[in-house]
Amino acid sequence: MELDYALRVTRELGLSGESSCVDREKPLRVYIAVDGELADHPGLDVALLWTSGHGWAIAVESPGGAELTVVSHLGGAVEPPPRTVARWVRRQLVERTSPVASTGHVA
C-alpha cells in the first residue's frame, strides 16, 4: 500500500486526514478517525483500520480511547478502490439526529 492510497480513501470519505496515522513498520497499518457512530455502539468513536494482512476494518474506541475493538471487516480485495471503501463505511454509520428532527417536536 502506498500512502497515496490511504489519502485517497480519506478524501473519498470527505475527511481531512488530520486524525489519521500510517505505521510504516511491518506489517504496514493505517488508522483513520471517522465522523459518526455505529448503531450497535452508540456514543463510541469510530475508526477505519487497514493492515496488509486483513485489509479494511471498522473499529470502535473504548471510552478514553485506550483500546480499539474491530466490529466489521470489508471482505474481498486487500486494497479495493477508495470509493468502495467509502461506500462500505457510510453504510455502517448511522446519522446523528437532533431530538427535534427525530420526534418532530421539541420536548
Protein backbone atom coordinates (compact mmCIF):
# COMPACT_ATOMS: atom_id res chain seq x y z
CA MET A 1 0.00 0.00 0.00
CA GLU A 2 1.20 3.43 -0.81
CA LEU A 3 0.48 6.47 1.33
CA ASP A 4 -1.38 7.93 -1.65
CA TYR A 5 -3.96 5.12 -1.45
CA ALA A 6 -4.71 5.89 2.22
CA LEU A 7 -5.04 9.58 1.36
CA ARG A 8 -7.48 8.81 -1.48
CA VAL A 9 -9.64 6.75 0.90
CA THR A 10 -9.55 9.61 3.43
CA ARG A 11 -10.60 12.14 0.79
CA GLU A 12 -13.34 9.84 -0.54
CA LEU A 13 -14.79 9.85 2.99
CA GLY A 14 -14.71 13.66 2.99
CA LEU A 15 -12.14 13.76 5.79
CA SER A 16 -9.09 15.98 6.11
CA GLY A 17 -6.75 13.26 7.36
CA GLU A 18 -5.82 15.27 10.45
CA SER A 19 -6.88 12.37 12.68
CA SER A 20 -5.12 9.61 10.82
CA CYS A 21 -1.89 7.73 11.17
CA VAL A 22 0.21 5.44 8.98
CA ASP A 23 2.55 3.00 10.72
CA ARG A 24 5.16 2.02 8.15
CA GLU A 25 6.61 -0.79 10.28
CA LYS A 26 5.88 -4.34 9.16
CA PRO A 27 3.05 -5.14 8.96
CA LEU A 28 2.01 -1.80 7.48
CA ARG A 29 -1.03 -0.32 9.28
CA VAL A 30 -3.35 2.66 8.75
CA TYR A 31 -5.68 4.37 11.26
CA ILE A 32 -8.32 6.90 10.14
CA ALA A 33 -10.72 8.50 12.62
CA VAL A 34 -14.23 8.57 11.14
CA ASP A 35 -17.02 11.05 11.88
CA GLY A 36 -20.21 9.33 13.04
CA GLU A 37 -21.18 6.39 15.16
CA LEU A 38 -22.39 2.82 14.81
CA ALA A 39 -25.94 1.81 15.78
CA ASP A 40 -24.70 -1.11 17.89
CA HIS A 41 -22.07 1.07 19.62
CA PRO A 42 -23.69 4.45 20.31
CA GLY A 43 -21.50 7.15 21.77
CA LEU A 44 -18.21 5.45 20.87
CA ASP A 45 -15.70 6.94 18.46
CA VAL A 46 -15.28 5.07 15.17
CA ALA A 47 -12.03 4.32 13.35
CA LEU A 48 -11.23 2.81 9.99
CA LEU A 49 -8.21 0.49 10.12
CA TRP A 50 -6.14 -1.15 7.39
CA THR A 51 -3.49 -3.83 7.66
CA SER A 52 -1.59 -5.54 4.88
CA GLY A 53 -2.85 -8.94 6.00
CA HIS A 54 -6.55 -8.20 6.53
CA GLY A 55 -7.44 -5.10 4.50
CA TRP A 56 -10.03 -2.67 5.89
CA ALA A 57 -11.92 -2.95 9.17
CA ILE A 58 -14.12 -0.71 11.28
CA ALA A 59 -13.36 -0.46 14.97
CA VAL A 60 -14.79 1.39 17.95
CA GLU A 61 -12.66 3.06 20.59
CA SER A 62 -13.22 2.31 24.23
CA PRO A 63 -14.13 5.32 26.38
CA GLY A 64 -10.92 7.28 26.78
CA GLY A 65 -9.54 5.82 23.52
CA ALA A 66 -7.30 3.28 25.23
CA GLU A 67 -8.38 0.28 23.13
CA LEU A 68 -9.80 -0.43 19.68
CA THR A 69 -12.28 -3.25 19.08
CA VAL A 70 -12.82 -4.38 15.48
CA VAL A 71 -16.53 -4.79 14.78
CA SER A 72 -16.63 -5.28 10.99
CA HIS A 73 -14.32 -6.27 8.11
CA LEU A 74 -14.63 -5.32 4.45
CA GLY A 75 -14.23 -8.60 2.59
CA GLY A 76 -12.65 -9.04 -0.80
CA ALA A 77 -9.50 -7.35 -2.03
CA VAL A 78 -6.99 -6.02 0.49
CA GLU A 79 -6.82 -2.72 -1.44
CA PRO A 80 -10.25 -2.13 -3.00
CA PRO A 81 -10.99 1.15 -4.79
CA PRO A 82 -11.32 4.09 -2.37
CA ARG A 83 -14.93 4.64 -3.46
CA THR A 84 -15.78 1.05 -2.46
CA VAL A 85 -14.25 1.59 0.99
CA ALA A 86 -16.11 4.88 1.47
CA ARG A 87 -19.48 3.38 0.47
CA TRP A 88 -18.96 0.49 2.89
CA VAL A 89 -18.07 2.84 5.75
CA ARG A 90 -21.08 5.09 5.08
CA ARG A 91 -23.42 2.07 5.14
CA GLN A 92 -22.08 1.16 8.59
CA LEU A 93 -22.65 4.58 10.12
CA VAL A 94 -25.92 5.98 11.45
CA GLU A 95 -26.93 9.56 11.06
CA ARG A 96 -26.93 11.59 14.22
CA THR A 97 -30.25 13.38 14.59
CA SER A 98 -31.37 16.05 16.99
CA PRO A 99 -34.37 15.38 19.27
CA VAL A 100 -36.39 17.83 17.17
CA ALA A 101 -35.61 16.02 13.93
CA SER A 102 -36.26 12.57 15.32
CA THR A 103 -39.55 13.29 17.13
CA GLY A 104 -40.90 16.14 15.06
CA HIS A 105 -41.41 18.36 18.12
CA VAL A 106 -39.49 19.87 20.97
CA ALA A 107 -39.81 18.01 24.26
